[in-house]
Amino acid sequence: MATLASRVRRIFSQAWKQYGRPVMAAVRPVTQWNLPPGYAYDESVDAVTYGSGGAILPNPEDYWVVDYIYIVPTRESADVRALVAAGVVPEGATEVLILVDDLETARDAHAVEIDGLWYDVISVDPGPPGTGGVWARVSLRRRS
């Protein structure tokens, strides 16, 4: 007999396939990047630079370490739209569902990319209710 967890995983897999097998590219923390000697990530300019305020490294994506996570889009719920309209949640916020196995990867991500758009991870929480602790909800905000 199938366990609740295996049934919920199967449902996730079916939903993932129906949405066209979408993935989220999760860029690992900066400490895991393979930067050339002398280069470091400068948060103030959101770029990899040489020395203090030096030249910006072209094509930093060549040095990132990325993990790919299967996602199921939530198609912005009425709750998210209401929070955006009220100013509680910033414009450009969205949510996706992932398997709980990928929870830490999403939580630790420097940034994530979905369909060519870049996001910061706001939160990663187990749920939604009724998924037997197998899924997790990831809240994202568009990067400026």
N, C-alpha and C. Protein backbone atom coordinates (compact mmCIF):
# COMPACT_ATOMS: atom_id res chain seq x y z
N MET A 1 0.84 -1.18 0.00
CA MET A 1 0.00 0.00 0.00
C MET A 1 0.89 1.26 0.00
N ALA A 2 0.54 2.22 -0.82
CA ALA A 2 1.33 3.44 -0.93
C ALA A 2 1.13 4.32 0.30
N THR A 3 2.21 4.91 0.75
CA THR A 3 2.14 5.82 1.90
C THR A 3 1.63 7.17 1.43
N LEU A 4 1.21 7.98 2.38
CA LEU A 4 0.76 9.34 2.06
C LEU A 4 1.87 10.10 1.37
N ALA A 5 3.10 9.99 1.88
CA ALA A 5 4.24 10.71 1.29
C ALA A 5 4.45 10.32 -0.16
N SER A 6 4.37 9.04 -0.48
CA SER A 6 4.59 8.61 -1.87
C SER A 6 3.45 9.10 -2.77
N ARG A 7 2.21 9.12 -2.26
CA ARG A 7 1.09 9.63 -3.06
C ARG A 7 1.26 11.13 -3.31
N VAL A 8 1.68 11.87 -2.30
CA VAL A 8 1.86 13.31 -2.44
C VAL A 8 3.01 13.61 -3.40
N ARG A 9 4.10 12.83 -3.35
CA ARG A 9 5.20 12.99 -4.31
C ARG A 9 4.72 12.73 -5.73
N ARG A 10 3.88 11.74 -5.90
CA ARG A 10 3.35 11.41 -7.23
C ARG A 10 2.48 12.57 -7.74
N ILE A 11 1.68 13.16 -6.86
CA ILE A 11 0.85 14.30 -7.25
C ILE A 11 1.74 15.47 -7.67
N PHE A 12 2.82 15.72 -6.91
CA PHE A 12 3.75 16.79 -7.27
C PHE A 12 4.33 16.51 -8.66
N SER A 13 4.76 15.29 -8.89
CA SER A 13 5.34 14.92 -10.18
C SER A 13 4.35 15.13 -11.32
N GLN A 14 3.11 14.78 -11.11
CA GLN A 14 2.09 14.97 -12.14
C GLN A 14 1.86 16.45 -12.41
N ALA A 15 1.78 17.25 -11.35
CA ALA A 15 1.59 18.69 -11.52
C ALA A 15 2.79 19.31 -12.23
N TRP A 16 3.99 18.87 -11.85
CA TRP A 16 5.21 19.39 -12.47
C TRP A 16 5.20 19.11 -13.98
N LYS A 17 4.81 17.92 -14.36
CA LYS A 17 4.73 17.56 -15.79
C LYS A 17 3.66 18.37 -16.50
N GLN A 18 2.51 18.56 -15.87
CA GLN A 18 1.42 19.32 -16.50
C GLN A 18 1.78 20.78 -16.72
N TYR A 19 2.63 21.32 -15.87
CA TYR A 19 3.09 22.71 -16.04
C TYR A 19 4.27 22.82 -17.00
N GLY A 20 4.67 21.72 -17.62
CA GLY A 20 5.76 21.77 -18.61
C GLY A 20 7.13 21.53 -18.03
N ARG A 21 7.22 20.87 -16.89
CA ARG A 21 8.49 20.54 -16.23
C ARG A 21 9.35 21.77 -15.89
N PRO A 22 8.76 22.77 -15.23
CA PRO A 22 9.54 23.98 -14.91
C PRO A 22 10.59 23.72 -13.84
N VAL A 23 11.69 24.47 -13.94
CA VAL A 23 12.75 24.39 -12.94
C VAL A 23 13.13 25.79 -12.48
N MET A 24 13.71 25.83 -11.31
CA MET A 24 14.25 27.06 -10.74
C MET A 24 15.74 26.84 -10.58
N ALA A 25 16.54 27.73 -11.15
CA ALA A 25 17.99 27.66 -10.99
C ALA A 25 18.34 28.39 -9.70
N ALA A 26 18.87 27.67 -8.73
CA ALA A 26 19.24 28.25 -7.44
C ALA A 26 20.76 28.44 -7.40
N VAL A 27 21.18 29.69 -7.40
CA VAL A 27 22.61 30.00 -7.33
C VAL A 27 23.06 29.80 -5.89
N ARG A 28 24.03 28.94 -5.71
CA ARG A 28 24.54 28.64 -4.36
C ARG A 28 25.15 29.89 -3.73
N PRO A 29 25.35 29.86 -2.41
CA PRO A 29 25.97 31.01 -1.72
C PRO A 29 27.33 31.36 -2.33
N VAL A 30 27.68 32.63 -2.23
CA VAL A 30 28.92 33.15 -2.83
C VAL A 30 30.14 32.36 -2.39
N THR A 31 30.15 31.86 -1.18
CA THR A 31 31.31 31.12 -0.68
C THR A 31 31.57 29.84 -1.48
N GLN A 32 30.60 29.39 -2.25
CA GLN A 32 30.76 28.17 -3.04
C GLN A 32 31.04 28.45 -4.52
N TRP A 33 31.14 29.73 -4.90
CA TRP A 33 31.45 30.08 -6.29
C TRP A 33 32.93 29.79 -6.55
N ASN A 34 33.27 29.63 -7.82
CA ASN A 34 34.65 29.37 -8.23
C ASN A 34 35.26 30.63 -8.83
N LEU A 35 35.42 31.67 -8.02
CA LEU A 35 35.92 32.96 -8.51
C LEU A 35 37.42 32.91 -8.74
N PRO A 36 37.89 33.66 -9.75
CA PRO A 36 39.34 33.74 -9.97
C PRO A 36 40.01 34.49 -8.82
N PRO A 37 41.30 34.25 -8.62
CA PRO A 37 42.03 34.94 -7.53
C PRO A 37 41.88 36.46 -7.64
N GLY A 38 41.68 37.10 -6.49
CA GLY A 38 41.57 38.56 -6.43
C GLY A 38 40.16 39.08 -6.61
N TYR A 39 39.23 38.25 -7.04
CA TYR A 39 37.84 38.69 -7.24
C TYR A 39 36.98 38.30 -6.05
N ALA A 40 36.00 39.14 -5.75
CA ALA A 40 35.07 38.88 -4.65
C ALA A 40 33.72 39.49 -5.00
N TYR A 41 32.68 38.95 -4.42
CA TYR A 41 31.34 39.51 -4.64
C TYR A 41 31.20 40.78 -3.80
N ASP A 42 30.75 41.88 -4.43
CA ASP A 42 30.51 43.15 -3.76
C ASP A 42 29.00 43.37 -3.70
N GLU A 43 28.43 43.19 -2.54
CA GLU A 43 26.98 43.29 -2.38
C GLU A 43 26.46 44.68 -2.71
N SER A 44 27.25 45.71 -2.46
CA SER A 44 26.78 47.08 -2.69
C SER A 44 26.51 47.37 -4.16
N VAL A 45 27.19 46.67 -5.06
CA VAL A 45 26.94 46.86 -6.50
C VAL A 45 26.35 45.60 -7.14
N ASP A 46 26.13 44.56 -6.31
CA ASP A 46 25.60 43.27 -6.77
C ASP A 46 26.39 42.77 -7.97
N ALA A 47 27.71 42.72 -7.79
CA ALA A 47 28.58 42.28 -8.88
C ALA A 47 29.87 41.70 -8.28
N VAL A 48 30.58 40.97 -9.11
CA VAL A 48 31.88 40.44 -8.71
C VAL A 48 32.93 41.44 -9.19
N THR A 49 33.75 41.92 -8.25
CA THR A 49 34.75 42.94 -8.60
C THR A 49 36.15 42.48 -8.21
N TYR A 50 37.13 43.14 -8.80
CA TYR A 50 38.54 42.86 -8.50
C TYR A 50 39.02 43.88 -7.49
N GLY A 51 39.53 43.41 -6.36
CA GLY A 51 40.05 44.32 -5.34
C GLY A 51 38.94 45.17 -4.74
N SER A 52 39.30 46.29 -4.17
CA SER A 52 38.31 47.17 -3.54
C SER A 52 37.77 48.15 -4.58
N GLY A 53 36.57 47.89 -5.04
CA GLY A 53 35.93 48.79 -6.00
C GLY A 53 36.54 48.75 -7.38
N GLY A 54 37.24 47.69 -7.70
CA GLY A 54 37.90 47.58 -9.00
C GLY A 54 36.97 47.17 -10.12
N ALA A 55 37.56 46.63 -11.16
CA ALA A 55 36.83 46.25 -12.35
C ALA A 55 35.81 45.15 -12.06
N ILE A 56 34.67 45.25 -12.71
CA ILE A 56 33.62 44.24 -12.56
C ILE A 56 33.93 43.06 -13.46
N LEU A 57 33.81 41.87 -12.92
CA LEU A 57 34.08 40.64 -13.66
C LEU A 57 32.98 40.41 -14.69
N PRO A 58 33.34 40.33 -15.97
CA PRO A 58 32.31 40.04 -16.98
C PRO A 58 31.89 38.57 -16.86
N ASN A 59 30.65 38.30 -17.19
CA ASN A 59 30.10 36.94 -17.19
C ASN A 59 30.30 36.21 -15.87
N PRO A 60 29.84 36.77 -14.75
CA PRO A 60 30.03 36.09 -13.47
C PRO A 60 29.33 34.73 -13.43
N GLU A 61 28.33 34.55 -14.30
CA GLU A 61 27.62 33.25 -14.32
C GLU A 61 28.54 32.10 -14.68
N ASP A 62 29.68 32.40 -15.29
CA ASP A 62 30.65 31.35 -15.59
C ASP A 62 31.30 30.78 -14.33
N TYR A 63 31.16 31.48 -13.22
CA TYR A 63 31.82 31.08 -11.98
C TYR A 63 30.84 30.64 -10.89
N TRP A 64 29.54 30.84 -11.13
CA TRP A 64 28.53 30.42 -10.16
C TRP A 64 28.46 28.91 -10.09
N VAL A 65 27.93 28.44 -9.00
CA VAL A 65 27.56 27.04 -8.86
C VAL A 65 26.05 27.04 -8.69
N VAL A 66 25.36 26.30 -9.56
CA VAL A 66 23.90 26.34 -9.62
C VAL A 66 23.32 24.95 -9.40
N ASP A 67 22.24 24.89 -8.64
CA ASP A 67 21.45 23.67 -8.48
C ASP A 67 20.10 23.92 -9.13
N TYR A 68 19.54 22.91 -9.75
CA TYR A 68 18.23 23.03 -10.39
C TYR A 68 17.19 22.31 -9.55
N ILE A 69 16.09 23.01 -9.29
CA ILE A 69 15.02 22.50 -8.44
C ILE A 69 13.73 22.44 -9.26
N TYR A 70 13.05 21.30 -9.22
CA TYR A 70 11.74 21.18 -9.86
C TYR A 70 10.75 22.05 -9.09
N ILE A 71 9.92 22.80 -9.82
CA ILE A 71 8.94 23.67 -9.18
C ILE A 71 7.55 23.44 -9.76
N VAL A 72 6.55 23.77 -8.97
CA VAL A 72 5.17 23.85 -9.43
C VAL A 72 4.73 25.28 -9.15
N PRO A 73 4.44 26.06 -10.19
CA PRO A 73 4.00 27.45 -9.98
C PRO A 73 2.67 27.50 -9.23
N THR A 74 2.46 28.57 -8.47
CA THR A 74 1.19 28.73 -7.77
C THR A 74 0.26 29.68 -8.48
N ARG A 75 0.73 30.34 -9.51
CA ARG A 75 -0.07 31.30 -10.27
C ARG A 75 -0.70 32.37 -9.39
N GLU A 76 0.15 33.02 -8.63
CA GLU A 76 -0.22 34.11 -7.72
C GLU A 76 -1.64 33.99 -7.19
N SER A 77 -1.74 33.54 -5.99
CA SER A 77 -3.03 33.36 -5.35
C SER A 77 -3.67 34.72 -5.06
N ALA A 78 -4.96 34.69 -4.79
CA ALA A 78 -5.69 35.90 -4.43
C ALA A 78 -5.08 36.53 -3.17
N ASP A 79 -4.57 35.69 -2.26
CA ASP A 79 -3.94 36.19 -1.04
C ASP A 79 -2.71 37.03 -1.37
N VAL A 80 -1.86 36.54 -2.28
CA VAL A 80 -0.66 37.27 -2.66
C VAL A 80 -1.04 38.59 -3.34
N ARG A 81 -2.01 38.56 -4.25
CA ARG A 81 -2.44 39.79 -4.94
C ARG A 81 -2.97 40.81 -3.94
N ALA A 82 -3.74 40.35 -2.93
CA ALA A 82 -4.29 41.26 -1.92
C ALA A 82 -3.17 41.89 -1.09
N LEU A 83 -2.16 41.09 -0.72
CA LEU A 83 -1.05 41.62 0.06
C LEU A 83 -0.22 42.62 -0.75
N VAL A 84 -0.06 42.37 -2.06
CA VAL A 84 0.65 43.32 -2.93
C VAL A 84 -0.14 44.62 -2.99
N ALA A 85 -1.45 44.51 -3.21
CA ALA A 85 -2.31 45.71 -3.30
C ALA A 85 -2.28 46.51 -2.00
N ALA A 86 -2.18 45.83 -0.86
CA ALA A 86 -2.15 46.51 0.43
C ALA A 86 -0.77 47.08 0.77
N GLY A 87 0.23 46.76 -0.05
CA GLY A 87 1.58 47.25 0.20
C GLY A 87 2.35 46.43 1.22
N VAL A 88 1.78 45.31 1.67
CA VAL A 88 2.45 44.45 2.65
C VAL A 88 3.52 43.62 1.96
N VAL A 89 3.24 43.18 0.76
CA VAL A 89 4.17 42.38 -0.04
C VAL A 89 4.58 43.22 -1.24
N PRO A 90 5.87 43.30 -1.56
CA PRO A 90 6.30 44.14 -2.67
C PRO A 90 5.82 43.62 -4.03
N GLU A 91 5.63 44.55 -4.95
CA GLU A 91 5.29 44.19 -6.34
C GLU A 91 6.37 43.26 -6.87
N GLY A 92 5.98 42.29 -7.66
CA GLY A 92 6.95 41.34 -8.19
C GLY A 92 7.14 40.13 -7.32
N ALA A 93 6.36 40.03 -6.23
CA ALA A 93 6.45 38.85 -5.37
C ALA A 93 5.65 37.71 -5.99
N THR A 94 6.14 36.52 -5.83
CA THR A 94 5.45 35.33 -6.33
C THR A 94 5.81 34.15 -5.44
N GLU A 95 5.13 33.05 -5.65
CA GLU A 95 5.40 31.84 -4.89
C GLU A 95 5.47 30.65 -5.83
N VAL A 96 6.28 29.67 -5.45
CA VAL A 96 6.34 28.39 -6.15
C VAL A 96 6.34 27.29 -5.10
N LEU A 97 5.99 26.10 -5.52
CA LEU A 97 6.03 24.94 -4.64
C LEU A 97 7.19 24.05 -5.07
N ILE A 98 7.88 23.47 -4.09
CA ILE A 98 8.99 22.56 -4.34
C ILE A 98 8.82 21.35 -3.44
N LEU A 99 9.62 20.33 -3.67
CA LEU A 99 9.65 19.20 -2.74
C LEU A 99 10.48 19.60 -1.53
N VAL A 100 10.10 19.13 -0.36
CA VAL A 100 10.79 19.49 0.87
C VAL A 100 12.26 19.06 0.84
N ASP A 101 12.61 18.08 0.01
CA ASP A 101 14.01 17.66 -0.14
C ASP A 101 14.90 18.82 -0.60
N ASP A 102 14.31 19.79 -1.32
CA ASP A 102 15.06 20.92 -1.86
C ASP A 102 14.93 22.17 -1.00
N LEU A 103 14.33 22.04 0.17
CA LEU A 103 14.07 23.18 1.04
C LEU A 103 15.34 23.94 1.40
N GLU A 104 16.37 23.26 1.85
CA GLU A 104 17.62 23.93 2.25
C GLU A 104 18.34 24.57 1.06
N THR A 105 18.30 23.91 -0.09
CA THR A 105 18.93 24.49 -1.29
C THR A 105 18.27 25.81 -1.64
N ALA A 106 16.93 25.85 -1.60
CA ALA A 106 16.21 27.09 -1.89
C ALA A 106 16.48 28.14 -0.81
N ARG A 107 16.46 27.74 0.43
CA ARG A 107 16.66 28.68 1.55
C ARG A 107 18.04 29.32 1.49
N ASP A 108 19.07 28.55 1.10
CA ASP A 108 20.45 29.05 1.08
C ASP A 108 20.82 29.79 -0.20
N ALA A 109 19.96 29.80 -1.20
CA ALA A 109 20.30 30.36 -2.51
C ALA A 109 20.66 31.84 -2.43
N HIS A 110 21.70 32.22 -3.15
CA HIS A 110 22.07 33.63 -3.27
C HIS A 110 20.99 34.37 -4.06
N ALA A 111 20.50 33.74 -5.10
CA ALA A 111 19.42 34.24 -5.95
C ALA A 111 18.89 33.06 -6.74
N VAL A 112 17.69 33.21 -7.31
CA VAL A 112 17.14 32.15 -8.16
C VAL A 112 16.66 32.75 -9.47
N GLU A 113 16.65 31.91 -10.49
CA GLU A 113 16.20 32.32 -11.83
C GLU A 113 15.11 31.37 -12.29
N ILE A 114 14.02 31.96 -12.75
CA ILE A 114 12.91 31.20 -13.32
C ILE A 114 12.51 31.89 -14.62
N ASP A 115 12.55 31.15 -15.71
CA ASP A 115 12.15 31.67 -17.03
C ASP A 115 12.84 32.99 -17.38
N GLY A 116 14.13 33.11 -17.06
CA GLY A 116 14.89 34.29 -17.42
C GLY A 116 14.72 35.47 -16.46
N LEU A 117 13.91 35.33 -15.43
CA LEU A 117 13.70 36.39 -14.45
C LEU A 117 14.40 36.01 -13.15
N TRP A 118 15.01 37.02 -12.50
CA TRP A 118 15.79 36.79 -11.29
C TRP A 118 15.01 37.22 -10.06
N TYR A 119 15.13 36.41 -9.00
CA TYR A 119 14.41 36.64 -7.75
C TYR A 119 15.33 36.45 -6.56
N ASP A 120 14.97 37.12 -5.44
CA ASP A 120 15.55 36.85 -4.14
C ASP A 120 14.56 35.96 -3.40
N VAL A 121 15.06 35.06 -2.59
CA VAL A 121 14.21 34.20 -1.78
C VAL A 121 13.81 34.97 -0.53
N ILE A 122 12.51 35.14 -0.33
CA ILE A 122 12.00 35.83 0.86
C ILE A 122 11.84 34.83 2.00
N SER A 123 11.21 33.69 1.69
CA SER A 123 11.02 32.67 2.72
C SER A 123 10.80 31.31 2.07
N VAL A 124 11.10 30.28 2.84
CA VAL A 124 10.86 28.89 2.44
C VAL A 124 10.22 28.22 3.64
N ASP A 125 9.00 27.75 3.44
CA ASP A 125 8.25 27.19 4.55
C ASP A 125 7.65 25.84 4.16
N PRO A 126 7.66 24.88 5.08
CA PRO A 126 6.98 23.61 4.81
C PRO A 126 5.50 23.87 4.55
N GLY A 127 4.90 23.08 3.72
CA GLY A 127 3.48 23.25 3.42
C GLY A 127 3.30 23.25 1.93
N PRO A 128 2.20 23.59 1.42
CA PRO A 128 0.98 24.02 2.09
C PRO A 128 0.28 22.87 2.82
N PRO A 129 -0.74 23.21 3.62
CA PRO A 129 -1.46 22.17 4.35
C PRO A 129 -1.99 21.09 3.40
N GLY A 130 -2.01 19.88 3.89
CA GLY A 130 -2.55 18.78 3.12
C GLY A 130 -1.54 18.08 2.23
N THR A 131 -0.27 18.50 2.29
CA THR A 131 0.75 17.88 1.44
C THR A 131 1.63 16.92 2.23
N GLY A 132 1.24 16.59 3.43
CA GLY A 132 1.94 15.58 4.21
C GLY A 132 3.39 15.89 4.54
N GLY A 133 3.76 17.17 4.55
CA GLY A 133 5.14 17.54 4.86
C GLY A 133 6.12 17.23 3.74
N VAL A 134 5.61 16.96 2.53
CA VAL A 134 6.46 16.58 1.40
C VAL A 134 6.76 17.79 0.51
N TRP A 135 5.87 18.76 0.49
CA TRP A 135 6.07 19.96 -0.33
C TRP A 135 6.52 21.11 0.56
N ALA A 136 7.07 22.15 -0.07
CA ALA A 136 7.41 23.40 0.63
C ALA A 136 7.00 24.57 -0.26
N ARG A 137 6.69 25.69 0.36
CA ARG A 137 6.28 26.90 -0.36
C ARG A 137 7.45 27.88 -0.32
N VAL A 138 7.85 28.39 -1.48
CA VAL A 138 8.95 29.35 -1.58
C VAL A 138 8.38 30.69 -2.03
N SER A 139 8.56 31.72 -1.22
CA SER A 139 8.15 33.08 -1.57
C SER A 139 9.34 33.80 -2.16
N LEU A 140 9.12 34.44 -3.31
CA LEU A 140 10.18 35.11 -4.05
C LEU A 140 9.83 36.56 -4.34
N ARG A 141 10.87 37.40 -4.48
CA ARG A 141 10.70 38.81 -4.85
C ARG A 141 11.63 39.11 -6.01
N ARG A 142 11.07 39.74 -7.05
CA ARG A 142 11.88 40.09 -8.23
C ARG A 142 13.06 40.94 -7.82
N ARG A 143 14.22 40.63 -8.40
CA ARG A 143 15.43 41.43 -8.14
C ARG A 143 15.37 42.68 -9.00
N SER A 144 15.85 43.78 -8.45
CA SER A 144 15.86 45.04 -9.20
C SER A 144 17.16 45.22 -9.94
